[in-house]
N, C-alpha and C. Protein backbone atom coordinates (compact mmCIF):
# COMPACT_ATOMS: atom_id res chain seq x y z
N MET A 1 8.04 -1.71 0.09
CA MET A 1 9.16 -2.30 0.76
C MET A 1 10.00 -1.20 1.37
N ALA A 2 10.49 -1.46 2.56
CA ALA A 2 11.39 -0.54 3.22
C ALA A 2 12.77 -0.66 2.57
N VAL A 3 13.32 0.47 2.12
CA VAL A 3 14.64 0.45 1.49
C VAL A 3 15.55 1.44 2.20
N LYS A 4 16.86 1.20 2.12
CA LYS A 4 17.84 2.09 2.75
C LYS A 4 18.28 3.21 1.83
N ASN A 5 18.24 2.98 0.52
CA ASN A 5 18.68 3.98 -0.45
C ASN A 5 17.74 3.94 -1.64
N LEU A 6 16.88 4.94 -1.74
CA LEU A 6 15.84 4.96 -2.77
C LEU A 6 16.44 4.87 -4.17
N GLU A 7 17.46 5.64 -4.46
CA GLU A 7 18.05 5.64 -5.81
C GLU A 7 18.67 4.29 -6.16
N ALA A 8 19.36 3.68 -5.20
CA ALA A 8 19.97 2.37 -5.46
C ALA A 8 18.89 1.32 -5.70
N SER A 9 17.81 1.37 -4.91
CA SER A 9 16.72 0.40 -5.07
C SER A 9 15.99 0.64 -6.39
N LYS A 10 15.78 1.90 -6.74
CA LYS A 10 15.14 2.23 -8.02
C LYS A 10 15.96 1.65 -9.17
N ALA A 11 17.27 1.85 -9.15
CA ALA A 11 18.14 1.34 -10.21
C ALA A 11 18.08 -0.19 -10.27
N PHE A 12 18.05 -0.85 -9.10
CA PHE A 12 17.97 -2.30 -9.06
C PHE A 12 16.67 -2.80 -9.71
N TYR A 13 15.53 -2.22 -9.30
CA TYR A 13 14.25 -2.68 -9.84
C TYR A 13 14.09 -2.32 -11.31
N GLU A 14 14.73 -1.27 -11.77
CA GLU A 14 14.72 -0.96 -13.20
C GLU A 14 15.44 -2.06 -13.98
N LYS A 15 16.49 -2.62 -13.40
CA LYS A 15 17.18 -3.75 -14.05
C LYS A 15 16.29 -4.98 -14.14
N LEU A 16 15.31 -5.07 -13.22
CA LEU A 16 14.36 -6.20 -13.25
C LEU A 16 13.17 -5.91 -14.15
N GLY A 17 13.16 -4.75 -14.81
CA GLY A 17 12.09 -4.43 -15.74
C GLY A 17 11.02 -3.49 -15.21
N PHE A 18 11.21 -2.96 -14.01
CA PHE A 18 10.24 -2.03 -13.43
C PHE A 18 10.57 -0.60 -13.86
N THR A 19 9.53 0.23 -13.94
CA THR A 19 9.71 1.66 -14.19
C THR A 19 8.94 2.43 -13.12
N ALA A 20 9.43 3.61 -12.78
CA ALA A 20 8.74 4.45 -11.80
C ALA A 20 7.43 4.92 -12.42
N SER A 21 6.31 4.68 -11.72
CA SER A 21 5.02 5.06 -12.27
C SER A 21 4.35 6.18 -11.49
N SER A 22 4.64 6.31 -10.20
CA SER A 22 4.08 7.40 -9.40
C SER A 22 4.78 7.43 -8.05
N PRO A 23 4.81 8.50 -7.33
CA PRO A 23 4.48 9.82 -7.87
C PRO A 23 5.55 10.23 -8.87
N ASP A 24 5.76 11.49 -9.02
CA ASP A 24 6.82 12.00 -9.88
C ASP A 24 8.11 11.24 -9.56
N PRO A 25 8.79 10.68 -10.57
CA PRO A 25 10.00 9.89 -10.32
C PRO A 25 11.09 10.62 -9.53
N SER A 26 11.02 11.93 -9.41
CA SER A 26 12.02 12.65 -8.62
C SER A 26 11.61 12.80 -7.16
N HIS A 27 10.50 12.14 -6.75
CA HIS A 27 10.05 12.23 -5.36
C HIS A 27 11.19 11.83 -4.43
N LYS A 28 11.29 12.47 -3.30
CA LYS A 28 12.46 12.31 -2.44
C LYS A 28 12.55 11.02 -1.63
N ASN A 29 11.42 10.46 -1.16
CA ASN A 29 11.59 9.29 -0.29
C ASN A 29 10.68 8.10 -0.60
N TRP A 30 9.95 8.12 -1.70
CA TRP A 30 9.22 6.91 -2.09
C TRP A 30 8.83 6.95 -3.55
N LEU A 31 8.66 5.76 -4.10
CA LEU A 31 8.26 5.58 -5.49
C LEU A 31 7.37 4.35 -5.61
N VAL A 32 6.47 4.37 -6.57
CA VAL A 32 5.76 3.16 -6.97
C VAL A 32 6.41 2.74 -8.28
N MET A 33 6.83 1.48 -8.33
CA MET A 33 7.48 0.92 -9.51
C MET A 33 6.52 -0.08 -10.14
N LYS A 34 6.46 -0.09 -11.47
CA LYS A 34 5.51 -0.94 -12.18
C LYS A 34 6.20 -1.77 -13.24
N SER A 35 5.77 -3.03 -13.35
CA SER A 35 6.20 -3.92 -14.42
C SER A 35 4.98 -4.73 -14.83
N GLY A 36 4.42 -4.43 -16.01
CA GLY A 36 3.18 -5.09 -16.42
C GLY A 36 2.08 -4.74 -15.44
N ASP A 37 1.41 -5.76 -14.89
CA ASP A 37 0.34 -5.54 -13.92
C ASP A 37 0.84 -5.58 -12.48
N THR A 38 2.15 -5.65 -12.29
CA THR A 38 2.72 -5.74 -10.96
C THR A 38 3.22 -4.38 -10.51
N GLU A 39 2.85 -3.99 -9.30
CA GLU A 39 3.32 -2.74 -8.71
C GLU A 39 4.00 -3.05 -7.38
N ILE A 40 5.08 -2.33 -7.11
CA ILE A 40 5.72 -2.37 -5.80
C ILE A 40 5.98 -0.94 -5.37
N GLY A 41 5.90 -0.70 -4.10
CA GLY A 41 6.26 0.60 -3.57
C GLY A 41 7.58 0.46 -2.84
N ILE A 42 8.48 1.40 -3.08
CA ILE A 42 9.74 1.41 -2.33
C ILE A 42 9.77 2.70 -1.51
N PHE A 43 10.07 2.55 -0.22
CA PHE A 43 9.94 3.64 0.74
C PHE A 43 11.21 3.76 1.57
N GLU A 44 11.86 4.90 1.48
CA GLU A 44 13.07 5.16 2.25
C GLU A 44 12.71 5.98 3.48
N GLY A 45 12.97 5.40 4.67
CA GLY A 45 12.76 6.12 5.91
C GLY A 45 11.31 6.29 6.33
N ILE A 46 10.40 5.56 5.74
CA ILE A 46 8.98 5.69 6.08
C ILE A 46 8.52 4.51 6.93
N PHE A 47 8.88 3.30 6.54
CA PHE A 47 8.50 2.09 7.27
C PHE A 47 9.73 1.44 7.88
N ASP A 48 9.57 0.86 9.09
CA ASP A 48 10.66 0.15 9.74
C ASP A 48 10.93 -1.21 9.11
N LYS A 49 9.88 -1.78 8.52
CA LYS A 49 10.00 -3.12 7.94
C LYS A 49 9.11 -3.19 6.71
N ASN A 50 9.25 -4.25 5.96
CA ASN A 50 8.43 -4.43 4.77
C ASN A 50 6.97 -4.59 5.16
N THR A 51 6.09 -4.03 4.33
CA THR A 51 4.65 -4.06 4.59
C THR A 51 3.93 -4.41 3.30
N LEU A 52 3.05 -5.39 3.38
CA LEU A 52 2.19 -5.73 2.24
C LEU A 52 1.04 -4.73 2.24
N CYS A 53 0.66 -4.23 1.07
CA CYS A 53 -0.38 -3.20 1.01
C CYS A 53 -1.44 -3.56 -0.03
N PHE A 54 -2.69 -3.38 0.37
CA PHE A 54 -3.83 -3.52 -0.54
C PHE A 54 -4.48 -2.16 -0.66
N ASN A 55 -4.85 -1.77 -1.87
CA ASN A 55 -5.50 -0.49 -2.11
C ASN A 55 -6.90 -0.70 -2.67
N PRO A 56 -7.91 -0.89 -1.80
CA PRO A 56 -9.27 -1.02 -2.30
C PRO A 56 -9.65 0.22 -3.11
N GLY A 57 -10.30 0.02 -4.23
CA GLY A 57 -10.77 1.13 -5.04
C GLY A 57 -9.77 1.66 -6.03
N GLY A 58 -8.58 1.08 -6.06
CA GLY A 58 -7.58 1.56 -7.00
C GLY A 58 -6.75 0.43 -7.55
N ALA A 59 -6.45 0.50 -8.83
CA ALA A 59 -5.61 -0.50 -9.48
C ALA A 59 -4.65 0.22 -10.39
N LEU A 60 -3.37 -0.01 -10.17
CA LEU A 60 -2.33 0.61 -10.99
C LEU A 60 -2.50 2.12 -11.05
N GLY A 61 -2.81 2.71 -9.90
CA GLY A 61 -2.92 4.15 -9.80
C GLY A 61 -4.20 4.77 -10.32
N LYS A 62 -5.15 3.94 -10.72
CA LYS A 62 -6.41 4.46 -11.26
C LYS A 62 -7.59 3.89 -10.46
N PRO A 63 -8.62 4.72 -10.21
CA PRO A 63 -9.79 4.21 -9.49
C PRO A 63 -10.48 3.08 -10.26
N THR A 64 -11.00 2.11 -9.52
CA THR A 64 -11.76 1.03 -10.13
C THR A 64 -13.25 1.31 -9.95
N ALA A 65 -14.07 0.86 -10.88
CA ALA A 65 -15.50 1.14 -10.86
C ALA A 65 -16.20 0.40 -9.73
N VAL A 66 -15.84 -0.85 -9.50
CA VAL A 66 -16.50 -1.67 -8.49
C VAL A 66 -15.44 -2.18 -7.52
N PHE A 67 -15.67 -1.98 -6.22
CA PHE A 67 -14.74 -2.48 -5.21
C PHE A 67 -15.44 -2.54 -3.87
N THR A 68 -14.88 -3.32 -2.95
CA THR A 68 -15.37 -3.37 -1.58
C THR A 68 -14.68 -2.28 -0.79
N ASP A 69 -15.46 -1.38 -0.21
CA ASP A 69 -14.92 -0.26 0.55
C ASP A 69 -14.12 -0.75 1.75
N VAL A 70 -13.07 -0.01 2.07
CA VAL A 70 -12.18 -0.38 3.17
C VAL A 70 -12.93 -0.51 4.49
N ARG A 71 -14.01 0.27 4.69
CA ARG A 71 -14.80 0.18 5.92
C ARG A 71 -15.50 -1.17 6.02
N GLU A 72 -15.96 -1.70 4.88
CA GLU A 72 -16.60 -3.01 4.86
C GLU A 72 -15.56 -4.10 5.10
N ILE A 73 -14.40 -3.97 4.50
CA ILE A 73 -13.32 -4.96 4.74
C ILE A 73 -12.97 -4.96 6.22
N HIS A 74 -12.84 -3.79 6.81
CA HIS A 74 -12.52 -3.67 8.23
C HIS A 74 -13.59 -4.35 9.08
N ARG A 75 -14.87 -4.07 8.77
CA ARG A 75 -15.97 -4.67 9.52
C ARG A 75 -15.93 -6.19 9.44
N GLN A 76 -15.71 -6.73 8.23
CA GLN A 76 -15.67 -8.18 8.05
C GLN A 76 -14.52 -8.81 8.83
N LEU A 77 -13.36 -8.20 8.79
CA LEU A 77 -12.21 -8.76 9.51
C LEU A 77 -12.40 -8.70 11.02
N LYS A 78 -12.93 -7.58 11.52
CA LYS A 78 -13.20 -7.46 12.96
C LYS A 78 -14.21 -8.52 13.39
N ALA A 79 -15.23 -8.79 12.55
CA ALA A 79 -16.24 -9.79 12.88
C ALA A 79 -15.62 -11.19 12.98
N LYS A 80 -14.52 -11.40 12.29
CA LYS A 80 -13.82 -12.69 12.34
C LYS A 80 -12.78 -12.73 13.46
N GLY A 81 -12.70 -11.66 14.24
CA GLY A 81 -11.78 -11.63 15.37
C GLY A 81 -10.37 -11.16 15.02
N VAL A 82 -10.18 -10.59 13.83
CA VAL A 82 -8.86 -10.10 13.44
C VAL A 82 -8.61 -8.78 14.15
N VAL A 83 -7.46 -8.67 14.81
CA VAL A 83 -7.07 -7.45 15.51
C VAL A 83 -6.53 -6.46 14.49
N THR A 84 -6.99 -5.21 14.58
CA THR A 84 -6.53 -4.17 13.67
C THR A 84 -5.89 -3.04 14.47
N LYS A 85 -5.09 -2.24 13.77
CA LYS A 85 -4.46 -1.08 14.39
C LYS A 85 -4.30 -0.01 13.32
N GLY A 86 -3.88 1.17 13.73
CA GLY A 86 -3.60 2.24 12.78
C GLY A 86 -4.80 2.66 11.96
N GLU A 87 -5.99 2.59 12.57
CA GLU A 87 -7.20 2.93 11.82
C GLU A 87 -7.27 4.43 11.57
N GLY A 88 -7.72 4.78 10.36
CA GLY A 88 -7.92 6.18 10.02
C GLY A 88 -8.98 6.31 8.95
N GLY A 89 -9.85 7.30 9.10
CA GLY A 89 -10.87 7.56 8.10
C GLY A 89 -12.00 6.56 8.06
N LEU A 90 -12.10 5.70 9.07
CA LEU A 90 -13.12 4.66 9.04
C LEU A 90 -14.46 5.12 9.60
N ASP A 91 -14.51 6.31 10.19
CA ASP A 91 -15.76 6.83 10.73
C ASP A 91 -16.64 7.45 9.66
N SER A 92 -16.07 7.80 8.52
CA SER A 92 -16.85 8.39 7.44
C SER A 92 -17.54 7.27 6.65
N LYS A 93 -18.48 7.65 5.79
CA LYS A 93 -19.22 6.66 5.01
C LYS A 93 -18.52 6.26 3.73
N SER A 94 -17.57 7.08 3.26
CA SER A 94 -16.84 6.78 2.03
C SER A 94 -15.55 7.59 2.00
N GLY A 95 -14.79 7.39 0.96
CA GLY A 95 -13.55 8.15 0.79
C GLY A 95 -12.35 7.44 1.39
N PRO A 96 -11.24 8.16 1.48
CA PRO A 96 -10.00 7.56 1.97
C PRO A 96 -10.13 7.01 3.39
N GLY A 97 -9.43 5.94 3.64
CA GLY A 97 -9.39 5.33 4.95
C GLY A 97 -8.46 4.14 4.93
N GLY A 98 -8.12 3.67 6.12
CA GLY A 98 -7.25 2.51 6.15
C GLY A 98 -7.04 1.95 7.54
N PHE A 99 -6.36 0.83 7.56
CA PHE A 99 -6.01 0.16 8.80
C PHE A 99 -4.93 -0.87 8.51
N VAL A 100 -4.36 -1.42 9.58
CA VAL A 100 -3.29 -2.40 9.48
C VAL A 100 -3.66 -3.64 10.28
N VAL A 101 -3.34 -4.81 9.75
CA VAL A 101 -3.39 -6.06 10.50
C VAL A 101 -1.97 -6.65 10.48
N THR A 102 -1.69 -7.49 11.45
CA THR A 102 -0.37 -8.12 11.54
C THR A 102 -0.54 -9.62 11.52
N ASP A 103 0.20 -10.29 10.62
CA ASP A 103 0.09 -11.75 10.52
C ASP A 103 0.85 -12.42 11.67
N PRO A 104 0.72 -13.74 11.83
CA PRO A 104 1.36 -14.44 12.94
C PRO A 104 2.89 -14.31 12.98
N ASP A 105 3.51 -13.95 11.86
CA ASP A 105 4.96 -13.80 11.84
C ASP A 105 5.41 -12.35 12.04
N GLY A 106 4.47 -11.46 12.33
CA GLY A 106 4.80 -10.06 12.59
C GLY A 106 4.83 -9.18 11.36
N ASN A 107 4.38 -9.69 10.21
CA ASN A 107 4.34 -8.90 8.99
C ASN A 107 3.09 -8.04 8.97
N ASP A 108 3.26 -6.74 8.76
CA ASP A 108 2.12 -5.84 8.68
C ASP A 108 1.49 -5.90 7.29
N ILE A 109 0.16 -5.81 7.27
CA ILE A 109 -0.62 -5.75 6.03
C ILE A 109 -1.48 -4.50 6.12
N LEU A 110 -1.22 -3.56 5.24
CA LEU A 110 -1.91 -2.27 5.23
C LEU A 110 -3.05 -2.29 4.21
N PHE A 111 -4.23 -1.94 4.65
CA PHE A 111 -5.37 -1.74 3.76
C PHE A 111 -5.52 -0.22 3.65
N ASP A 112 -5.20 0.34 2.49
CA ASP A 112 -5.06 1.78 2.33
C ASP A 112 -5.87 2.25 1.13
N GLN A 113 -7.08 2.76 1.40
CA GLN A 113 -7.97 3.21 0.33
C GLN A 113 -7.77 4.70 0.09
N HIS A 114 -7.53 5.08 -1.16
CA HIS A 114 -7.29 6.48 -1.52
C HIS A 114 -8.51 7.17 -2.12
N VAL A 115 -9.52 6.42 -2.54
CA VAL A 115 -10.67 7.00 -3.23
C VAL A 115 -11.91 7.02 -2.35
């Protein structure tokens, strides 16, 4: 989520039961907050608007054994006529990569694979 003040947002989500899980809680402009199996990212000055994010290959900051690679997800969505933008790392056969799609209401959805 795009936030205006990282420390104020961190304090708010801590009141809701979230704790900073990564990166280092003293990071200057973003944090991942966790409550149970729920994670949210708060980002100050990085995104203009809120963005939904999926991380193929990772769950709660840890790699998963079985997952659909972001390149396959990209291929499947393109085959269905979904317009993508912000592609990166999709020319390689594996590893980090990502892309963005935008829903009919203008909300960005980021597919961001780190593994």
